[in-house]
Protein backbone atom coordinates (compact mmCIF):
# COMPACT_ATOMS: atom_id res chain seq x y z
CA MET A 1 2.31 -8.25 6.68
CA ALA A 2 -0.12 -6.37 8.85
CA ARG A 3 -3.52 -4.79 8.56
CA LEU A 4 -4.66 -1.31 9.58
CA THR A 5 -6.33 -2.04 12.91
CA SER A 6 -6.96 1.37 14.49
CA ILE A 7 -7.13 5.04 13.58
CA SER A 8 -7.54 8.22 15.62
CA LEU A 9 -8.99 11.61 14.68
CA LEU A 10 -6.53 14.24 15.93
CA ASP A 11 -8.08 17.32 14.31
CA SER A 12 -11.74 17.66 13.26
CA GLY A 13 -10.93 20.46 10.82
CA THR A 14 -13.34 23.24 9.87
CA TYR A 15 -15.58 24.44 7.04
CA TYR A 16 -16.59 20.99 5.77
CA SER A 17 -19.80 21.24 3.79
CA THR A 18 -19.72 17.63 2.54
CA LYS A 19 -17.95 14.47 3.58
CA PRO A 20 -14.36 14.37 2.33
CA THR A 21 -12.87 11.41 0.49
CA VAL A 22 -10.29 9.68 2.67
CA VAL A 23 -7.36 8.40 0.60
CA VAL A 24 -5.07 5.82 2.21
CA ASP A 25 -1.67 5.00 0.73
CA PRO A 26 -1.37 1.41 -0.47
CA PRO A 27 1.04 -0.97 1.26
CA ALA A 28 4.62 -1.03 0.00
CA PHE A 29 5.34 -3.63 -2.66
CA ASP A 30 8.02 -4.42 -5.23
CA SER A 31 6.85 -2.45 -8.24
CA SER A 32 9.88 -3.57 -10.25
CA ARG A 33 8.33 -7.05 -10.55
CA PHE A 34 4.62 -6.31 -10.75
CA THR A 35 2.20 -3.43 -10.43
CA LEU A 36 -0.44 -2.99 -7.78
CA ALA A 37 -3.05 -3.13 -10.54
CA MET A 38 -2.14 -6.81 -11.02
CA ILE A 39 -3.21 -7.65 -7.47
CA ASP A 40 -6.68 -9.16 -7.36
CA SER A 41 -8.18 -8.60 -3.92
CA GLN A 42 -11.51 -10.14 -4.87
CA GLU A 43 -10.44 -13.51 -6.30
CA TYR A 44 -7.89 -15.24 -4.09
CA LYS A 45 -7.35 -18.66 -2.56
CA PHE A 46 -5.62 -17.72 0.69
CA GLY A 47 -5.01 -14.45 2.50
CA CYS A 48 -6.50 -11.33 0.92
CA GLY A 49 -4.96 -11.05 -2.52
CA ALA A 50 -3.63 -12.92 -5.54
CA LEU A 51 -1.78 -12.15 -8.77
CA ASN A 52 -4.01 -11.55 -11.79
CA LEU A 53 -2.35 -12.10 -15.16
CA ASP A 54 -3.34 -11.27 -18.71
CA SER A 55 -1.90 -13.28 -21.59
CA ASP A 56 0.89 -10.73 -22.22
CA ASP A 57 1.94 -10.31 -18.58
CA THR A 58 5.25 -11.64 -17.25
CA VAL A 59 6.29 -11.61 -13.59
CA LEU A 60 9.75 -12.56 -12.33
CA ILE A 61 9.52 -14.52 -9.10
CA GLY A 62 13.27 -14.64 -8.60
CA THR A 63 16.65 -16.12 -9.52
CA LEU A 64 17.97 -19.24 -7.83
CA ASP A 65 21.16 -18.55 -5.90
CA SER A 66 22.22 -22.18 -5.41
CA ASN A 67 22.32 -25.41 -7.39
CA TYR A 68 19.08 -27.14 -6.47
CA GLN A 69 19.84 -30.18 -8.66
CA ALA A 70 23.31 -31.00 -7.38
CA ALA A 71 24.49 -34.59 -7.42
CA SER A 72 25.40 -34.21 -3.76
CA PRO A 73 23.24 -34.77 -1.90
CA LEU A 74 22.07 -37.21 -4.52
CA PHE A 75 18.39 -37.21 -3.67
CA ARG A 76 17.74 -33.57 -2.92
CA HIS A 77 14.00 -32.91 -3.23
CA ASN A 78 12.68 -29.80 -5.01
CA MET A 79 9.07 -28.77 -5.31
CA MET A 80 7.34 -25.95 -7.20
CA SER A 81 3.65 -25.38 -6.56
CA MET A 82 0.89 -22.80 -6.88
CA TRP A 83 -2.87 -22.38 -7.05
CA VAL A 84 -4.33 -21.30 -10.40
CA ASN A 85 -7.77 -20.10 -11.41
CA LEU A 86 -8.08 -19.69 -15.20
CA ASP A 87 -10.54 -17.38 -16.91
CA SER A 88 -10.20 -19.55 -20.01
CA VAL A 89 -8.59 -22.94 -20.68
CA ILE A 90 -6.49 -22.52 -23.80
CA PRO A 91 -2.89 -23.44 -24.69
CA SER A 92 -0.94 -21.15 -22.40
CA THR A 93 2.27 -20.95 -20.38
CA ILE A 94 2.10 -20.85 -16.58
CA VAL A 95 5.76 -20.96 -15.41
CA TRP A 96 8.99 -20.86 -17.38
CA GLY A 97 12.73 -20.48 -17.25
CA GLN A 98 15.48 -20.79 -19.81
CA ASN A 99 15.52 -24.60 -19.54
CA TYR A 100 11.93 -25.49 -18.64
CA ARG A 101 8.31 -24.60 -19.33
CA ILE A 102 5.11 -25.60 -17.49
CA PHE A 103 2.00 -25.12 -19.60
CA ILE A 104 -1.47 -26.44 -20.41
CA ASP A 105 -3.20 -27.43 -23.63
CA SER A 106 -6.76 -26.70 -24.78
CA GLY A 107 -8.04 -29.65 -22.74
CA GLY A 108 -6.54 -28.36 -19.49
CA HIS A 109 -3.80 -31.03 -19.44
CA LEU A 110 -0.68 -29.99 -17.61
CA GLY A 111 2.60 -30.28 -19.53
CA PHE A 112 6.21 -29.98 -18.41
CA SER A 113 8.95 -29.47 -20.99
CA TYR A 114 12.62 -29.30 -20.02
CA VAL A 115 16.22 -29.62 -21.16
CA SER A 116 17.02 -33.26 -20.59
CA ASP A 117 20.61 -33.89 -21.63
CA SER A 118 24.05 -32.40 -21.31
CA SER A 119 23.95 -30.86 -24.80
CA GLY A 120 21.11 -28.57 -23.74
CA SER A 121 18.64 -29.97 -26.27
CA VAL A 122 15.06 -31.05 -25.65
CA LEU A 123 14.59 -34.67 -26.56
CA PRO A 124 11.18 -35.92 -27.72
CA ASN A 125 10.61 -37.46 -24.31
CA GLY A 126 11.66 -34.18 -22.72
CA THR A 127 7.98 -33.32 -22.20
CA TRP A 128 5.68 -35.07 -19.79
CA TRP A 129 1.91 -34.67 -19.74
CA ASP A 130 -0.67 -35.30 -17.06
CA SER A 131 -3.17 -37.32 -19.06
CA SER A 132 -5.51 -38.03 -16.15
CA ASN A 133 -6.22 -34.76 -14.37
CA ALA A 134 -7.48 -31.70 -16.18
CA ILE A 135 -7.55 -28.06 -15.10
CA THR A 136 -11.02 -26.56 -15.55
CA GLN A 137 -12.19 -23.02 -16.14
CA ASN A 138 -13.10 -20.66 -13.26
CA ASN A 139 -12.06 -23.11 -10.55
CA TRP A 140 -9.09 -23.12 -8.20
CA HIS A 141 -6.66 -25.95 -8.91
CA PHE A 142 -3.46 -26.84 -7.11
CA ILE A 143 -0.53 -27.81 -9.33
CA LYS A 144 2.77 -29.21 -8.12
CA VAL A 145 6.04 -30.35 -9.73
CA GLU A 146 8.54 -32.44 -7.76
CA VAL A 147 12.09 -33.22 -8.86
CA SER A 148 14.71 -35.38 -7.18
CA HIS A 149 17.86 -36.28 -9.13
CA ASP A 150 16.52 -38.30 -12.09
CA GLN A 151 12.94 -38.53 -10.82
CA LEU A 152 10.06 -36.29 -11.84
CA ARG A 153 6.44 -36.19 -10.71
CA PHE A 154 3.74 -33.56 -10.89
CA GLY A 155 0.07 -33.42 -10.10
CA VAL A 156 -3.17 -31.53 -10.14
CA ASP A 157 -5.05 -31.06 -6.88
CA SER A 158 -4.73 -34.16 -4.69
CA ALA A 159 -3.91 -36.49 -7.61
CA HIS A 160 -0.49 -37.08 -9.12
CA THR A 161 0.98 -38.56 -12.25
CA PRO A 162 1.99 -41.27 -12.78
CA SER A 163 -0.19 -43.09 -10.32
CA GLY A 164 1.50 -45.12 -7.60
CA ASN A 165 5.08 -44.66 -8.74
CA TYR A 166 7.60 -42.03 -9.61
CA TYR A 167 8.45 -41.16 -13.21
CA ASN A 168 12.02 -41.76 -14.41
CA LYS A 169 12.66 -40.05 -17.74
CA GLY A 170 15.84 -42.02 -18.31
CA HIS A 171 17.85 -38.81 -18.10
CA SER A 172 19.34 -37.46 -14.89
CA LEU A 173 17.95 -34.07 -13.93
CA TYR A 174 20.84 -32.69 -11.91
CA LEU A 175 23.69 -30.35 -12.86
CA GLY A 176 25.25 -31.13 -16.25
CA GLN A 177 22.32 -33.27 -17.39
CA GLY A 178 19.25 -31.08 -17.30
CA ASN A 179 20.10 -27.98 -15.29
CA PHE A 180 16.73 -26.27 -15.24
CA TRP A 181 16.84 -25.53 -11.48
CA ASP A 182 20.51 -24.75 -11.07
CA SER A 183 22.15 -21.62 -9.71
CA GLY A 184 21.28 -18.61 -11.85
CA ALA A 185 18.06 -20.11 -13.22
CA THR A 186 15.05 -17.79 -13.17
CA ILE A 187 11.45 -18.51 -12.26
CA ASN A 188 8.92 -16.54 -14.30
CA LEU A 189 5.14 -16.54 -14.39
CA GLY A 190 3.12 -15.85 -17.52
CA HIS A 191 4.18 -15.04 -21.06
CA ASP A 192 7.60 -16.02 -22.42
CA SER A 193 7.71 -13.15 -24.91
CA ASP A 194 11.23 -14.01 -26.18
CA ASN A 195 10.48 -17.74 -26.54
CA ALA A 196 13.45 -18.49 -24.29
CA SER A 197 11.99 -21.63 -22.72
CA PRO A 198 11.90 -25.12 -24.31
CA LEU A 199 9.24 -26.24 -26.75
CA GLY A 200 7.02 -29.13 -25.82
CA THR A 201 5.53 -32.05 -27.70
CA ILE A 202 1.93 -32.65 -28.70
CA PHE A 203 -0.23 -34.33 -26.05
CA PRO A 204 0.02 -37.10 -25.09
CA HIS A 205 3.36 -37.89 -26.82
CA SER A 206 4.90 -37.13 -30.17
CA LEU A 207 8.27 -36.93 -31.82
CA THR A 208 7.20 -33.61 -33.27
CA LEU A 209 7.79 -30.53 -31.16
CA ASN A 210 4.66 -28.56 -30.62
CA PRO A 211 5.08 -24.81 -31.21
CA VAL A 212 4.55 -24.04 -27.54
CA SER A 213 6.52 -20.85 -28.16
CA GLY A 214 3.25 -19.50 -29.53
CA TYR A 215 1.58 -20.09 -26.18
CA LYS A 216 1.13 -16.83 -24.36
CA GLY A 217 0.70 -16.54 -20.63
CA ILE A 218 -2.44 -17.56 -18.81
CA ASN A 219 -5.53 -15.43 -18.40
CA GLY A 220 -6.32 -15.92 -14.76
CA THR A 221 -5.15 -15.71 -11.18
CA ILE A 222 -2.24 -17.29 -9.31
CA ASP A 223 -1.99 -17.55 -5.54
CA ASN A 224 0.30 -19.09 -2.92
CA PHE A 225 3.34 -19.74 -5.13
CA ASN A 226 6.10 -21.82 -3.53
CA PHE A 227 9.48 -23.15 -4.54
CA THR A 228 10.91 -25.39 -1.82
CA SER A 229 14.18 -27.31 -1.67
CA SER A 230 14.65 -30.00 0.97
CA PRO A 231 17.79 -32.09 1.70
CA ALA A 232 17.71 -35.81 1.06
CA ASP A 233 17.06 -38.40 3.74
CA SER A 234 16.97 -42.17 3.96
CA GLN A 235 13.65 -42.49 2.16
CA HIS A 236 13.35 -42.65 -1.59
CA PHE A 237 11.61 -39.95 -3.53
CA MET A 238 8.68 -42.25 -4.27
CA ASP A 239 8.07 -42.54 -0.55
CA LYS A 240 8.17 -38.78 -0.18
CA TRP A 241 5.35 -38.16 -2.59
CA THR A 242 2.15 -37.26 -0.76
CA ASN A 243 -1.19 -35.91 -1.78
CA TRP A 244 -0.16 -32.70 0.01
CA VAL A 245 -2.48 -29.81 -0.79
CA PRO A 246 -1.97 -26.74 1.42
CA ASP A 247 -4.80 -25.74 3.70
CA SER A 248 -3.45 -22.22 4.17
CA ALA A 249 -0.73 -19.92 2.94
CA GLY A 250 1.47 -21.10 5.82
CA ASP A 251 1.10 -24.82 5.18
CA TYR A 252 4.57 -25.67 3.89
CA TYR A 253 5.71 -28.65 1.88
CA ARG A 254 7.50 -31.12 4.17
CA ASN A 255 7.44 -28.36 6.83
CA THR A 256 10.34 -26.69 5.06
CA THR A 257 10.55 -22.91 4.64
CA PRO A 258 10.28 -22.13 0.90
CA VAL A 259 13.13 -20.63 -1.08
CA PHE A 260 10.50 -18.45 -2.77
CA GLU A 261 7.04 -17.75 -1.44
CA GLU A 262 4.61 -15.29 -2.98
CA ASN A 263 1.07 -14.71 -1.70
CA TRP A 264 0.43 -11.24 -3.16
CA ASP A 265 -1.50 -10.25 -0.07
CA TYR A 266 -1.73 -6.53 -0.79
CA ARG A 267 -4.91 -4.52 -0.40
CA THR A 268 -5.30 -0.82 0.30
CA ALA A 269 -7.21 0.02 3.47
CA LYS A 270 -10.41 2.07 3.25
CA ILE A 271 -11.55 4.70 5.74
CA HIS A 272 -14.93 6.43 6.04
CA ALA A 273 -15.35 9.97 7.41
CA GLN A 274 -18.48 11.09 9.31
CA LEU A 275 -19.53 14.73 9.01
CA ASP A 276 -20.98 16.96 11.71
CA SER A 277 -23.09 19.12 9.39
CA VAL A 278 -24.09 21.49 12.19
CA ASN A 279 -20.55 22.52 13.07
CA ASN A 280 -19.06 21.69 9.65
CA VAL A 281 -16.34 19.47 11.10
CA ILE A 282 -15.35 15.82 10.84
CA LYS A 283 -16.77 14.12 13.92
CA ALA A 284 -15.41 10.58 13.40
CA ILE A 285 -13.47 8.32 11.06
CA THR A 286 -14.02 4.59 10.75
CA ILE A 287 -11.98 1.79 9.17
CA ILE A 288 -14.28 -0.07 6.76
CA ASP A 289 -11.51 -2.22 5.25
CA SER A 290 -8.30 -2.84 7.18
CA GLY A 291 -6.43 -3.81 4.00
CA CYS A 292 -3.39 -6.06 4.22
CA GLY A 293 0.29 -6.08 3.44
CA TYR A 294 1.24 -3.07 5.57
CA ASP A 295 4.64 -3.06 7.25
CA SER A 296 4.44 0.61 8.31
CA VAL A 297 1.76 3.20 9.10
CA PRO A 298 0.35 4.55 5.80
CA GLU A 299 -0.20 8.20 4.98
CA ILE A 300 -3.87 9.24 5.05
CA ASN A 301 -5.26 12.29 3.23
CA PHE A 302 -8.65 14.00 3.31
CA ILE A 303 -9.64 15.13 -0.18
CA GLY A 304 -12.50 17.56 -0.88
CA GLY A 305 -15.52 18.33 1.26
CA ASN A 306 -14.10 21.70 2.25
CA ASN A 307 -15.14 24.04 -0.55
CA ILE A 308 -14.81 27.19 1.56
CA ILE A 309 -11.34 28.71 1.81
CA ASP A 310 -10.24 30.61 4.90
CA SER A 311 -10.07 34.35 4.35
CA ALA A 312 -6.62 35.79 3.81
CA TYR A 313 -5.67 38.57 6.22
CA ALA A 314 -3.11 41.26 5.46
CA ILE A 315 -2.05 44.34 7.41
CA GLY A 316 -4.45 47.16 6.68
CA ASP A 317 -7.39 44.92 5.70
CA SER A 318 -10.78 45.69 7.18
CA ILE A 319 -12.64 42.93 9.01
CA SER A 320 -16.08 42.45 10.47
CA GLN A 321 -17.89 40.15 12.87
CA THR A 322 -21.68 40.12 12.80
CA LEU A 323 -23.22 39.96 16.27
CA SER A 324 -26.89 39.53 17.10
CA THR A 325 -27.51 43.31 17.49
CA THR A 326 -24.66 45.00 15.66
CA VAL A 327 -21.51 44.49 13.63
CA MET A 328 -18.00 44.70 15.04
CA ARG A 329 -15.35 46.17 12.76
CA GLY A 330 -11.61 46.71 12.86
CA GLU A 331 -8.36 47.01 10.97
CA VAL A 332 -5.74 44.25 10.77
CA ALA A 333 -2.47 45.29 12.39
CA ARG A 334 -0.84 41.86 12.52
CA TYR A 335 -1.61 38.23 11.59
CA GLN A 336 0.42 35.17 12.61
CA LEU A 337 0.36 31.51 13.67
CA ASP A 338 0.60 30.87 17.36
CA SER A 339 3.91 30.02 18.98
CA ALA A 340 3.22 26.28 18.75
CA GLY A 341 2.93 26.50 14.98
CA ASP A 342 -0.39 24.65 14.84
CA SER A 343 -3.58 25.68 13.04
CA ASN A 344 -4.52 28.39 15.56
CA ARG A 345 -3.83 31.93 14.44
CA HIS A 346 -3.67 35.33 16.13
CA LEU A 347 -5.40 38.28 14.50
CA TYR A 348 -4.36 41.68 15.95
CA LEU A 349 -6.86 44.51 15.38
CA ILE A 350 -6.78 48.27 15.81
CA HIS A 351 -9.42 50.97 15.32
CA SER A 352 -12.06 48.49 16.38
CA GLY A 353 -15.61 49.28 17.39
CA ALA A 354 -19.28 48.54 16.86
CA ASP A 355 -21.61 50.04 14.24
CA ASP A 356 -24.13 51.16 16.91
CA GLY A 357 -21.50 53.30 18.69
CA LYS A 358 -21.85 51.38 21.93
CA PHE A 359 -19.23 49.32 23.70
CA HIS A 360 -19.07 45.73 22.49
CA ASN A 361 -16.37 43.13 22.25
CA PHE A 362 -15.58 40.42 19.70
CA VAL A 363 -17.13 37.11 20.74
CA SER A 364 -16.19 33.45 20.35
CA ASP A 365 -17.57 30.96 17.79
CA ILE A 366 -18.45 33.59 15.17
CA ALA A 367 -16.33 34.06 12.06
CA VAL A 368 -14.27 37.18 11.42
CA ILE A 369 -14.70 38.13 7.76
CA ASN A 370 -12.18 40.02 5.63
CA THR A 371 -14.34 42.69 4.00
CA SER A 372 -11.42 44.17 2.04
CA ASN A 373 -11.24 41.16 -0.27
CA ASN A 374 -14.99 40.43 -0.22
CA SER A 375 -14.56 37.09 1.55
CA VAL A 376 -17.70 35.16 2.42
CA SER A 377 -16.04 33.12 5.16
CA GLY A 378 -13.35 33.52 7.72
CA LEU A 379 -11.71 32.18 10.84
CA PHE A 380 -13.84 31.36 13.85
CA VAL A 381 -12.91 33.25 16.98
CA LYS A 382 -11.77 31.04 19.84
CA SER A 383 -11.11 33.85 22.30
CA ALA A 384 -10.80 37.65 22.29
CA THR A 385 -8.39 39.60 24.48
CA GLU A 386 -7.90 43.36 24.77
CA ILE A 387 -4.25 44.33 24.75
CA ASN A 388 -4.02 47.74 26.53
CA LYS A 389 -0.53 49.22 26.43
CA LEU A 390 -1.45 52.89 27.03
CA SER A 391 0.23 52.83 30.45
CA ASN A 392 3.53 52.17 28.71
CA ASN A 393 3.44 55.79 27.46
CA GLU A 394 2.25 57.48 30.68
CA GLN A 395 4.56 60.23 32.11
CA ASN A 396 3.38 60.32 35.76
CA THR A 397 6.65 59.08 37.22
CA GLU A 398 8.70 61.52 35.21
CA PHE A 399 6.56 64.54 36.21
CA THR A 400 6.64 63.54 39.87
CA THR A 401 10.41 63.31 39.88
CA ILE A 402 10.84 66.64 38.19
CA SER A 403 8.29 68.39 40.41
CA ASP A 404 10.31 67.49 43.50
CA ASP A 405 13.17 69.59 42.13
CA PHE A 406 11.36 72.99 42.28
CA LEU A 407 8.31 72.65 44.50
CA ASP A 408 8.73 73.10 48.27
CA PHE A 409 5.76 71.51 49.94
CA SER A 410 6.98 72.78 53.35
CA GLU A 411 5.71 76.22 52.41
CA ASP A 412 2.19 77.27 53.17
CA ASN A 413 1.48 77.71 49.49
CA PRO A 414 4.15 75.96 47.36
CA PHE A 415 2.29 76.99 44.22
CA GLY A 416 2.00 80.67 45.19
CA ASP A 417 4.31 83.69 45.09
CA PRO A 418 7.41 82.87 47.22
CA GLU A 419 7.64 86.54 48.30
CA ASN A 420 4.39 86.21 50.20
CA ASN A 421 5.57 83.14 52.26
């Protein structure tokens, strides 16, 4: 995603009495999943934007197109992570799918509830809490959930739970026995309005399911979301756990390209126009915010600043141009754009002359006003040319040809009485 790095003024315009507002189109984004109003370009962890959620907002990250918990390879590693900054720490859902829910309680403890057996039910030990590391209000925290076959670990910031070992729930987490990250599973941020995701238990542990379905989405900001799947290798999952916390949006888990990556780096560029108040034109435009997220050149519009409308000119209208000593006047015979079709126009006048009765011509850089419609402004003259086509109607050649037929210039007096020659 690019920024707007340069801009050129191709036409300074005319008749600007005040600076216009320059409106730049926002970068293209997937409006089917979130609106541009949800992008927070002030509070972000990396890049230049983040996703801001209210408690009722839901955003679909995507649908998994493969089985990321398959038994083969047996120890396939999956990781979901994101940065969160909460406006308030209350029981709320962060991420959910049909068979899992990641949420926090009123103390900022991170909980993970999931379907943990082949029957699709949530057993009492189907929720795991981070009892050691709490998410606090108005601070960026990094949360991460790792799954590999029957092993589950998740952490807050650089810490992880449980400490020093992986957590085995006693139930395999791959296809057929806890299929929360299988093909067709969705990843959603925010509110689970239909209560489709599993309920959790009360922190730290309880046989009673906590009505997590009443938890709405978070009030806060999410940045740098990743879901990464990495093939197994010779090392066990416990050896693969690190205190990895990304330093930038491009710092990838185990150097593996994510299946899903969302940074929400969208910000509309801003452009400032400078006015030449003497000539009433735009003399320069400057980028004051290059924005981000652009993959094509945006459309830019100048709004307002030009409160004077060019005079309309119709055949038969009377016009005037005020000179220093007199006023030129004329009648419109024709009005058209030039052959190039740009903003220049040609105004053809007849019956033109000056009020003082002396010979004058129309001059450049003074407006021609349409007096027939009482205009107060008009087009500025760039050049004036006299089109003289009187010679097209002269009959000299015709008379000369005819005269040769009956005048004999060999006579002493070809115009006299032939009897006297």
